[in-house]
mmCIF file of all heavy atoms, coordinates in Angstrom:
data_MODEL
# 
_entry.id   MODEL 
# 
loop_
_atom_site.group_PDB 
_atom_site.id 
_atom_site.type_symbol 
_atom_site.label_atom_id 
_atom_site.label_alt_id 
_atom_site.label_comp_id 
_atom_site.label_asym_id 
_atom_site.label_entity_id 
_atom_site.label_seq_id 
_atom_site.pdbx_PDB_ins_code 
_atom_site.Cartn_x 
_atom_site.Cartn_y 
_atom_site.Cartn_z 
_atom_site.occupancy 
_atom_site.B_iso_or_equiv 
_atom_site.pdbx_formal_charge 
_atom_site.auth_seq_id 
_atom_site.auth_comp_id 
_atom_site.auth_asym_id 
_atom_site.auth_atom_id 
_atom_site.pdbx_PDB_model_num 
ATOM 1   N N   . GLN A 1 1  ? 18.606 88.588  261.119 1.00 0.00 ? 1  GLN A N   1 
ATOM 2   C CA  . GLN A 1 1  ? 18.690 89.714  262.046 1.00 0.00 ? 1  GLN A CA  1 
ATOM 3   C C   . GLN A 1 1  ? 18.452 91.037  261.318 1.00 0.00 ? 1  GLN A C   1 
ATOM 4   O O   . GLN A 1 1  ? 17.778 91.923  261.840 1.00 0.00 ? 1  GLN A O   1 
ATOM 5   C CB  . GLN A 1 1  ? 20.057 89.728  262.730 1.00 0.00 ? 1  GLN A CB  1 
ATOM 6   C CG  . GLN A 1 1  ? 20.220 90.855  263.719 1.00 0.00 ? 1  GLN A CG  1 
ATOM 7   C CD  . GLN A 1 1  ? 21.591 90.867  264.356 1.00 0.00 ? 1  GLN A CD  1 
ATOM 8   O OE1 . GLN A 1 1  ? 22.435 90.038  264.043 1.00 0.00 ? 1  GLN A OE1 1 
ATOM 9   N NE2 . GLN A 1 1  ? 21.821 91.819  265.238 1.00 0.00 ? 1  GLN A NE2 1 
ATOM 10  N N   . VAL A 1 2  ? 18.965 91.175  260.113 1.00 0.00 ? 2  VAL A N   1 
ATOM 11  C CA  . VAL A 1 2  ? 18.765 92.391  259.335 1.00 0.00 ? 2  VAL A CA  1 
ATOM 12  C C   . VAL A 1 2  ? 17.292 92.540  258.973 1.00 0.00 ? 2  VAL A C   1 
ATOM 13  O O   . VAL A 1 2  ? 16.722 93.638  259.060 1.00 0.00 ? 2  VAL A O   1 
ATOM 14  C CB  . VAL A 1 2  ? 19.649 92.381  258.063 1.00 0.00 ? 2  VAL A CB  1 
ATOM 15  C CG1 . VAL A 1 2  ? 19.352 93.567  257.183 1.00 0.00 ? 2  VAL A CG1 1 
ATOM 16  C CG2 . VAL A 1 2  ? 21.117 92.342  258.443 1.00 0.00 ? 2  VAL A CG2 1 
ATOM 17  N N   . SER A 1 3  ? 16.659 91.450  258.596 1.00 0.00 ? 3  SER A N   1 
ATOM 18  C CA  . SER A 1 3  ? 15.237 91.495  258.260 1.00 0.00 ? 3  SER A CA  1 
ATOM 19  C C   . SER A 1 3  ? 14.400 91.903  259.464 1.00 0.00 ? 3  SER A C   1 
ATOM 20  O O   . SER A 1 3  ? 13.467 92.699  259.341 1.00 0.00 ? 3  SER A O   1 
ATOM 21  C CB  . SER A 1 3  ? 14.774 90.135  257.751 1.00 0.00 ? 3  SER A CB  1 
ATOM 22  O OG  . SER A 1 3  ? 15.459 89.790  256.584 1.00 0.00 ? 3  SER A OG  1 
ATOM 23  N N   . ILE A 1 4  ? 14.728 91.385  260.626 1.00 0.00 ? 4  ILE A N   1 
ATOM 24  C CA  . ILE A 1 4  ? 13.998 91.740  261.842 1.00 0.00 ? 4  ILE A CA  1 
ATOM 25  C C   . ILE A 1 4  ? 14.199 93.206  262.180 1.00 0.00 ? 4  ILE A C   1 
ATOM 26  O O   . ILE A 1 4  ? 13.258 93.900  262.576 1.00 0.00 ? 4  ILE A O   1 
ATOM 27  C CB  . ILE A 1 4  ? 14.435 90.838  263.017 1.00 0.00 ? 4  ILE A CB  1 
ATOM 28  C CG1 . ILE A 1 4  ? 14.021 89.397  262.752 1.00 0.00 ? 4  ILE A CG1 1 
ATOM 29  C CG2 . ILE A 1 4  ? 13.876 91.334  264.338 1.00 0.00 ? 4  ILE A CG2 1 
ATOM 30  C CD1 . ILE A 1 4  ? 12.520 89.208  262.623 1.00 0.00 ? 4  ILE A CD1 1 
ATOM 31  N N   . MET A 1 5  ? 15.418 93.714  262.019 1.00 0.00 ? 5  MET A N   1 
ATOM 32  C CA  . MET A 1 5  ? 15.682 95.132  262.286 1.00 0.00 ? 5  MET A CA  1 
ATOM 33  C C   . MET A 1 5  ? 14.875 96.025  261.354 1.00 0.00 ? 5  MET A C   1 
ATOM 34  O O   . MET A 1 5  ? 14.295 97.021  261.789 1.00 0.00 ? 5  MET A O   1 
ATOM 35  C CB  . MET A 1 5  ? 17.171 95.441  262.148 1.00 0.00 ? 5  MET A CB  1 
ATOM 36  C CG  . MET A 1 5  ? 17.975 94.910  263.281 1.00 0.00 ? 5  MET A CG  1 
ATOM 37  S SD  . MET A 1 5  ? 17.384 95.554  264.841 1.00 0.00 ? 5  MET A SD  1 
ATOM 38  C CE  . MET A 1 5  ? 18.877 96.071  265.545 1.00 0.00 ? 5  MET A CE  1 
ATOM 39  N N   . LEU A 1 6  ? 14.823 95.668  260.074 1.00 0.00 ? 6  LEU A N   1 
ATOM 40  C CA  . LEU A 1 6  ? 14.040 96.452  259.129 1.00 0.00 ? 6  LEU A CA  1 
ATOM 41  C C   . LEU A 1 6  ? 12.559 96.421  259.490 1.00 0.00 ? 6  LEU A C   1 
ATOM 42  O O   . LEU A 1 6  ? 11.869 97.439  259.425 1.00 0.00 ? 6  LEU A O   1 
ATOM 43  C CB  . LEU A 1 6  ? 14.257 95.935  257.710 1.00 0.00 ? 6  LEU A CB  1 
ATOM 44  C CG  . LEU A 1 6  ? 15.643 96.163  257.129 1.00 0.00 ? 6  LEU A CG  1 
ATOM 45  C CD1 . LEU A 1 6  ? 15.771 95.446  255.793 1.00 0.00 ? 6  LEU A CD1 1 
ATOM 46  C CD2 . LEU A 1 6  ? 15.922 97.647  256.967 1.00 0.00 ? 6  LEU A CD2 1 
ATOM 47  N N   . LEU A 1 7  ? 12.073 95.260  259.888 1.00 0.00 ? 7  LEU A N   1 
ATOM 48  C CA  . LEU A 1 7  ? 10.679 95.143  260.300 1.00 0.00 ? 7  LEU A CA  1 
ATOM 49  C C   . LEU A 1 7  ? 10.396 95.998  261.535 1.00 0.00 ? 7  LEU A C   1 
ATOM 50  O O   . LEU A 1 7  ? 9.374  96.690  261.601 1.00 0.00 ? 7  LEU A O   1 
ATOM 51  C CB  . LEU A 1 7  ? 10.328 93.681  260.576 1.00 0.00 ? 7  LEU A CB  1 
ATOM 52  C CG  . LEU A 1 7  ? 8.905  93.426  261.044 1.00 0.00 ? 7  LEU A CG  1 
ATOM 53  C CD1 . LEU A 1 7  ? 7.920  93.762  259.936 1.00 0.00 ? 7  LEU A CD1 1 
ATOM 54  C CD2 . LEU A 1 7  ? 8.747  91.990  261.478 1.00 0.00 ? 7  LEU A CD2 1 
ATOM 55  N N   . CYS A 1 8  ? 11.307 95.996  262.491 1.00 0.00 ? 8  CYS A N   1 
ATOM 56  C CA  . CYS A 1 8  ? 11.140 96.824  263.690 1.00 0.00 ? 8  CYS A CA  1 
ATOM 57  C C   . CYS A 1 8  ? 11.115 98.304  263.352 1.00 0.00 ? 8  CYS A C   1 
ATOM 58  O O   . CYS A 1 8  ? 10.336 99.071  263.922 1.00 0.00 ? 8  CYS A O   1 
ATOM 59  C CB  . CYS A 1 8  ? 12.261 96.538  264.692 1.00 0.00 ? 8  CYS A CB  1 
ATOM 60  S SG  . CYS A 1 8  ? 12.141 94.938  265.472 1.00 0.00 ? 8  CYS A SG  1 
ATOM 61  N N   . MET A 1 9  ? 11.951 98.716  262.411 1.00 0.00 ? 9  MET A N   1 
ATOM 62  C CA  . MET A 1 9  ? 11.966 100.120 261.993 1.00 0.00 ? 9  MET A CA  1 
ATOM 63  C C   . MET A 1 9  ? 10.622 100.533 261.407 1.00 0.00 ? 9  MET A C   1 
ATOM 64  O O   . MET A 1 9  ? 10.093 101.598 261.721 1.00 0.00 ? 9  MET A O   1 
ATOM 65  C CB  . MET A 1 9  ? 13.076 100.349 260.971 1.00 0.00 ? 9  MET A CB  1 
ATOM 66  C CG  . MET A 1 9  ? 14.453 100.255 261.520 1.00 0.00 ? 9  MET A CG  1 
ATOM 67  S SD  . MET A 1 9  ? 15.666 100.368 260.197 1.00 0.00 ? 9  MET A SD  1 
ATOM 68  C CE  . MET A 1 9  ? 17.137 99.898  261.055 1.00 0.00 ? 9  MET A CE  1 
ATOM 69  N N   . VAL A 1 10 ? 10.070 99.667  260.581 1.00 0.00 ? 10 VAL A N   1 
ATOM 70  C CA  . VAL A 1 10 ? 8.785  99.976  259.955 1.00 0.00 ? 10 VAL A CA  1 
ATOM 71  C C   . VAL A 1 10 ? 7.669  99.966  260.990 1.00 0.00 ? 10 VAL A C   1 
ATOM 72  O O   . VAL A 1 10 ? 6.803  100.844 260.991 1.00 0.00 ? 10 VAL A O   1 
ATOM 73  C CB  . VAL A 1 10 ? 8.489  98.983  258.815 1.00 0.00 ? 10 VAL A CB  1 
ATOM 74  C CG1 . VAL A 1 10 ? 7.077  99.158  258.293 1.00 0.00 ? 10 VAL A CG1 1 
ATOM 75  C CG2 . VAL A 1 10 ? 9.486  99.174  257.687 1.00 0.00 ? 10 VAL A CG2 1 
ATOM 76  N N   . VAL A 1 11 ? 7.688  99.008  261.908 1.00 0.00 ? 11 VAL A N   1 
ATOM 77  C CA  . VAL A 1 11 ? 6.637  98.930  262.920 1.00 0.00 ? 11 VAL A CA  1 
ATOM 78  C C   . VAL A 1 11 ? 6.706  100.126 263.862 1.00 0.00 ? 11 VAL A C   1 
ATOM 79  O O   . VAL A 1 11 ? 5.683  100.721 264.205 1.00 0.00 ? 11 VAL A O   1 
ATOM 80  C CB  . VAL A 1 11 ? 6.742  97.603  263.698 1.00 0.00 ? 11 VAL A CB  1 
ATOM 81  C CG1 . VAL A 1 11 ? 5.859  97.607  264.928 1.00 0.00 ? 11 VAL A CG1 1 
ATOM 82  C CG2 . VAL A 1 11 ? 6.371  96.447  262.785 1.00 0.00 ? 11 VAL A CG2 1 
ATOM 83  N N   . LEU A 1 12 ? 7.913  100.512 264.281 1.00 0.00 ? 12 LEU A N   1 
ATOM 84  C CA  . LEU A 1 12 ? 8.049  101.652 265.188 1.00 0.00 ? 12 LEU A CA  1 
ATOM 85  C C   . LEU A 1 12 ? 7.633  102.964 264.526 1.00 0.00 ? 12 LEU A C   1 
ATOM 86  O O   . LEU A 1 12 ? 6.967  103.792 265.136 1.00 0.00 ? 12 LEU A O   1 
ATOM 87  C CB  . LEU A 1 12 ? 9.499  101.779 265.667 1.00 0.00 ? 12 LEU A CB  1 
ATOM 88  C CG  . LEU A 1 12 ? 9.913  100.863 266.792 1.00 0.00 ? 12 LEU A CG  1 
ATOM 89  C CD1 . LEU A 1 12 ? 11.394 101.026 267.066 1.00 0.00 ? 12 LEU A CD1 1 
ATOM 90  C CD2 . LEU A 1 12 ? 9.120  101.155 268.041 1.00 0.00 ? 12 LEU A CD2 1 
ATOM 91  N N   . GLY A 1 13 ? 8.031  103.158 263.288 1.00 0.00 ? 13 GLY A N   1 
ATOM 92  C CA  . GLY A 1 13 ? 7.753  104.425 262.623 1.00 0.00 ? 13 GLY A CA  1 
ATOM 93  C C   . GLY A 1 13 ? 6.426  104.463 261.907 1.00 0.00 ? 13 GLY A C   1 
ATOM 94  O O   . GLY A 1 13 ? 5.867  105.528 261.674 1.00 0.00 ? 13 GLY A O   1 
ATOM 95  N N   . GLY A 1 14 ? 5.905  103.318 261.533 1.00 0.00 ? 14 GLY A N   1 
ATOM 96  C CA  . GLY A 1 14 ? 4.670  103.276 260.767 1.00 0.00 ? 14 GLY A CA  1 
ATOM 97  C C   . GLY A 1 14 ? 4.975  103.130 259.289 1.00 0.00 ? 14 GLY A C   1 
ATOM 98  O O   . GLY A 1 14 ? 5.894  103.763 258.773 1.00 0.00 ? 14 GLY A O   1 
ATOM 99  N N   . ALA A 1 15 ? 4.211  102.305 258.613 1.00 0.00 ? 15 ALA A N   1 
ATOM 100 C CA  . ALA A 1 15 ? 4.484  102.015 257.215 1.00 0.00 ? 15 ALA A CA  1 
ATOM 101 C C   . ALA A 1 15 ? 3.835  103.013 256.269 1.00 0.00 ? 15 ALA A C   1 
ATOM 102 O O   . ALA A 1 15 ? 4.091  102.994 255.084 1.00 0.00 ? 15 ALA A O   1 
ATOM 103 C CB  . ALA A 1 15 ? 3.995  100.605 256.873 1.00 0.00 ? 15 ALA A CB  1 
ATOM 104 N N   . GLY A 1 16 ? 2.996  103.900 256.766 1.00 0.00 ? 16 GLY A N   1 
ATOM 105 C CA  . GLY A 1 16 ? 2.253  104.800 255.896 1.00 0.00 ? 16 GLY A CA  1 
ATOM 106 C C   . GLY A 1 16 ? 3.079  105.919 255.290 1.00 0.00 ? 16 GLY A C   1 
ATOM 107 O O   . GLY A 1 16 ? 2.818  106.348 254.181 1.00 0.00 ? 16 GLY A O   1 
ATOM 108 N N   . LYS A 1 17 ? 4.066  106.400 256.016 1.00 0.00 ? 17 LYS A N   1 
ATOM 109 C CA  . LYS A 1 17 ? 4.841  107.541 255.536 1.00 0.00 ? 17 LYS A CA  1 
ATOM 110 C C   . LYS A 1 17 ? 6.330  107.273 255.692 1.00 0.00 ? 17 LYS A C   1 
ATOM 111 O O   . LYS A 1 17 ? 6.766  106.607 256.626 1.00 0.00 ? 17 LYS A O   1 
ATOM 112 C CB  . LYS A 1 17 ? 4.471  108.802 256.312 1.00 0.00 ? 17 LYS A CB  1 
ATOM 113 C CG  . LYS A 1 17 ? 3.028  109.199 256.131 1.00 0.00 ? 17 LYS A CG  1 
ATOM 114 C CD  . LYS A 1 17 ? 2.774  110.551 256.688 1.00 0.00 ? 17 LYS A CD  1 
ATOM 115 C CE  . LYS A 1 17 ? 1.315  110.891 256.421 1.00 0.00 ? 17 LYS A CE  1 
ATOM 116 N NZ  . LYS A 1 17 ? 1.087  112.284 256.389 1.00 0.00 ? 17 LYS A NZ  1 
ATOM 117 N N   . SER A 1 18 ? 7.100  107.809 254.776 1.00 0.00 ? 18 SER A N   1 
ATOM 118 C CA  . SER A 1 18 ? 8.546  107.582 254.826 1.00 0.00 ? 18 SER A CA  1 
ATOM 119 C C   . SER A 1 18 ? 9.186  108.255 256.031 1.00 0.00 ? 18 SER A C   1 
ATOM 120 O O   . SER A 1 18 ? 10.184 107.763 256.561 1.00 0.00 ? 18 SER A O   1 
ATOM 121 C CB  . SER A 1 18 ? 9.206  108.065 253.536 1.00 0.00 ? 18 SER A CB  1 
ATOM 122 O OG  . SER A 1 18 ? 8.974  109.445 253.352 1.00 0.00 ? 18 SER A OG  1 
ATOM 123 N N   . GLN A 1 19 ? 8.626  109.373 256.506 1.00 0.00 ? 19 GLN A N   1 
ATOM 124 C CA  . GLN A 1 19 ? 9.185  110.033 257.683 1.00 0.00 ? 19 GLN A CA  1 
ATOM 125 C C   . GLN A 1 19 ? 9.098  109.127 258.908 1.00 0.00 ? 19 GLN A C   1 
ATOM 126 O O   . GLN A 1 19 ? 9.993  109.124 259.746 1.00 0.00 ? 19 GLN A O   1 
ATOM 127 C CB  . GLN A 1 19 ? 8.450  111.354 257.981 1.00 0.00 ? 19 GLN A CB  1 
ATOM 128 C CG  . GLN A 1 19 ? 8.600  112.384 256.918 1.00 0.00 ? 19 GLN A CG  1 
ATOM 129 C CD  . GLN A 1 19 ? 7.504  112.323 255.872 1.00 0.00 ? 19 GLN A CD  1 
ATOM 130 O OE1 . GLN A 1 19 ? 6.703  111.405 255.850 1.00 0.00 ? 19 GLN A OE1 1 
ATOM 131 N NE2 . GLN A 1 19 ? 7.481  113.301 254.980 1.00 0.00 ? 19 GLN A NE2 1 
ATOM 132 N N   . GLY A 1 20 ? 8.029  108.360 259.004 1.00 0.00 ? 20 GLY A N   1 
ATOM 133 C CA  . GLY A 1 20 ? 7.891  107.444 260.127 1.00 0.00 ? 20 GLY A CA  1 
ATOM 134 C C   . GLY A 1 20 ? 8.926  106.346 260.102 1.00 0.00 ? 20 GLY A C   1 
ATOM 135 O O   . GLY A 1 20 ? 9.485  105.978 261.130 1.00 0.00 ? 20 GLY A O   1 
ATOM 136 N N   . VAL A 1 21 ? 9.198  105.820 258.916 1.00 0.00 ? 21 VAL A N   1 
ATOM 137 C CA  . VAL A 1 21 ? 10.211 104.773 258.793 1.00 0.00 ? 21 VAL A CA  1 
ATOM 138 C C   . VAL A 1 21 ? 11.591 105.331 259.130 1.00 0.00 ? 21 VAL A C   1 
ATOM 139 O O   . VAL A 1 21 ? 12.393 104.675 259.796 1.00 0.00 ? 21 VAL A O   1 
ATOM 140 C CB  . VAL A 1 21 ? 10.181 104.160 257.383 1.00 0.00 ? 21 VAL A CB  1 
ATOM 141 C CG1 . VAL A 1 21 ? 11.284 103.138 257.219 1.00 0.00 ? 21 VAL A CG1 1 
ATOM 142 C CG2 . VAL A 1 21 ? 8.825  103.535 257.103 1.00 0.00 ? 21 VAL A CG2 1 
ATOM 143 N N   . ILE A 1 22 ? 11.853 106.559 258.708 1.00 0.00 ? 22 ILE A N   1 
ATOM 144 C CA  . ILE A 1 22 ? 13.136 107.195 259.033 1.00 0.00 ? 22 ILE A CA  1 
ATOM 145 C C   . ILE A 1 22 ? 13.249 107.400 260.540 1.00 0.00 ? 22 ILE A C   1 
ATOM 146 O O   . ILE A 1 22 ? 14.307 107.160 261.137 1.00 0.00 ? 22 ILE A O   1 
ATOM 147 C CB  . ILE A 1 22 ? 13.292 108.516 258.256 1.00 0.00 ? 22 ILE A CB  1 
ATOM 148 C CG1 . ILE A 1 22 ? 13.434 108.211 256.764 1.00 0.00 ? 22 ILE A CG1 1 
ATOM 149 C CG2 . ILE A 1 22 ? 14.471 109.319 258.770 1.00 0.00 ? 22 ILE A CG2 1 
ATOM 150 C CD1 . ILE A 1 22 ? 13.364 109.432 255.873 1.00 0.00 ? 22 ILE A CD1 1 
ATOM 151 N N   . LEU A 1 23 ? 12.165 107.823 261.176 1.00 0.00 ? 23 LEU A N   1 
ATOM 152 C CA  . LEU A 1 23 ? 12.165 107.972 262.631 1.00 0.00 ? 23 LEU A CA  1 
ATOM 153 C C   . LEU A 1 23 ? 12.409 106.623 263.308 1.00 0.00 ? 23 LEU A C   1 
ATOM 154 O O   . LEU A 1 23 ? 13.199 106.533 264.252 1.00 0.00 ? 23 LEU A O   1 
ATOM 155 C CB  . LEU A 1 23 ? 10.834 108.567 263.097 1.00 0.00 ? 23 LEU A CB  1 
ATOM 156 C CG  . LEU A 1 23 ? 10.674 108.697 264.607 1.00 0.00 ? 23 LEU A CG  1 
ATOM 157 C CD1 . LEU A 1 23 ? 11.665 109.718 265.149 1.00 0.00 ? 23 LEU A CD1 1 
ATOM 158 C CD2 . LEU A 1 23 ? 9.254  109.087 264.944 1.00 0.00 ? 23 LEU A CD2 1 
ATOM 159 N N   . GLY A 1 24 ? 11.757 105.578 262.823 1.00 0.00 ? 24 GLY A N   1 
ATOM 160 C CA  . GLY A 1 24 ? 11.977 104.236 263.361 1.00 0.00 ? 24 GLY A CA  1 
ATOM 161 C C   . GLY A 1 24 ? 13.422 103.800 263.210 1.00 0.00 ? 24 GLY A C   1 
ATOM 162 O O   . GLY A 1 24 ? 13.992 103.172 264.104 1.00 0.00 ? 24 GLY A O   1 
ATOM 163 N N   . ARG A 1 25 ? 14.032 104.137 262.077 1.00 0.00 ? 25 ARG A N   1 
ATOM 164 C CA  . ARG A 1 25 ? 15.443 103.798 261.863 1.00 0.00 ? 25 ARG A CA  1 
ATOM 165 C C   . ARG A 1 25 ? 16.325 104.490 262.898 1.00 0.00 ? 25 ARG A C   1 
ATOM 166 O O   . ARG A 1 25 ? 17.239 103.888 263.459 1.00 0.00 ? 25 ARG A O   1 
ATOM 167 C CB  . ARG A 1 25 ? 15.869 104.205 260.459 1.00 0.00 ? 25 ARG A CB  1 
ATOM 168 C CG  . ARG A 1 25 ? 17.315 103.842 260.185 1.00 0.00 ? 25 ARG A CG  1 
ATOM 169 C CD  . ARG A 1 25 ? 17.804 104.472 258.928 1.00 0.00 ? 25 ARG A CD  1 
ATOM 170 N NE  . ARG A 1 25 ? 17.990 105.894 259.190 1.00 0.00 ? 25 ARG A NE  1 
ATOM 171 C CZ  . ARG A 1 25 ? 18.452 106.747 258.296 1.00 0.00 ? 25 ARG A CZ  1 
ATOM 172 N NH1 . ARG A 1 25 ? 18.733 106.359 257.087 1.00 0.00 ? 25 ARG A NH1 1 
ATOM 173 N NH2 . ARG A 1 25 ? 18.617 108.005 258.599 1.00 0.00 ? 25 ARG A NH2 1 
ATOM 174 N N   . HIS A 1 26 ? 16.039 105.765 263.164 1.00 0.00 ? 26 HIS A N   1 
ATOM 175 C CA  . HIS A 1 26 ? 16.845 106.498 264.142 1.00 0.00 ? 26 HIS A CA  1 
ATOM 176 C C   . HIS A 1 26 ? 16.679 105.914 265.552 1.00 0.00 ? 26 HIS A C   1 
ATOM 177 O O   . HIS A 1 26 ? 17.661 105.791 266.287 1.00 0.00 ? 26 HIS A O   1 
ATOM 178 C CB  . HIS A 1 26 ? 16.485 107.985 264.136 1.00 0.00 ? 26 HIS A CB  1 
ATOM 179 C CG  . HIS A 1 26 ? 16.969 108.720 262.934 1.00 0.00 ? 26 HIS A CG  1 
ATOM 180 N ND1 . HIS A 1 26 ? 18.292 108.793 262.577 1.00 0.00 ? 26 HIS A ND1 1 
ATOM 181 C CD2 . HIS A 1 26 ? 16.296 109.410 261.985 1.00 0.00 ? 26 HIS A CD2 1 
ATOM 182 C CE1 . HIS A 1 26 ? 18.422 109.496 261.463 1.00 0.00 ? 26 HIS A CE1 1 
ATOM 183 N NE2 . HIS A 1 26 ? 17.213 109.875 261.076 1.00 0.00 ? 26 HIS A NE2 1 
ATOM 184 N N   . VAL A 1 27 ? 15.458 105.547 265.902 1.00 0.00 ? 27 VAL A N   1 
ATOM 185 C CA  . VAL A 1 27 ? 15.221 104.964 267.224 1.00 0.00 ? 27 VAL A CA  1 
ATOM 186 C C   . VAL A 1 27 ? 15.981 103.648 267.372 1.00 0.00 ? 27 VAL A C   1 
ATOM 187 O O   . VAL A 1 27 ? 16.654 103.417 268.386 1.00 0.00 ? 27 VAL A O   1 
ATOM 188 C CB  . VAL A 1 27 ? 13.705 104.757 267.456 1.00 0.00 ? 27 VAL A CB  1 
ATOM 189 C CG1 . VAL A 1 27 ? 13.453 103.928 268.702 1.00 0.00 ? 27 VAL A CG1 1 
ATOM 190 C CG2 . VAL A 1 27 ? 12.994 106.094 267.543 1.00 0.00 ? 27 VAL A CG2 1 
# 
């Protein structure tokens, strides 16, 4: 479940920039 959550964060925010991953984490 943790791995899936991390993957969702990266997919939602985008893997190219750290700001996108942070945004995905917040969502």
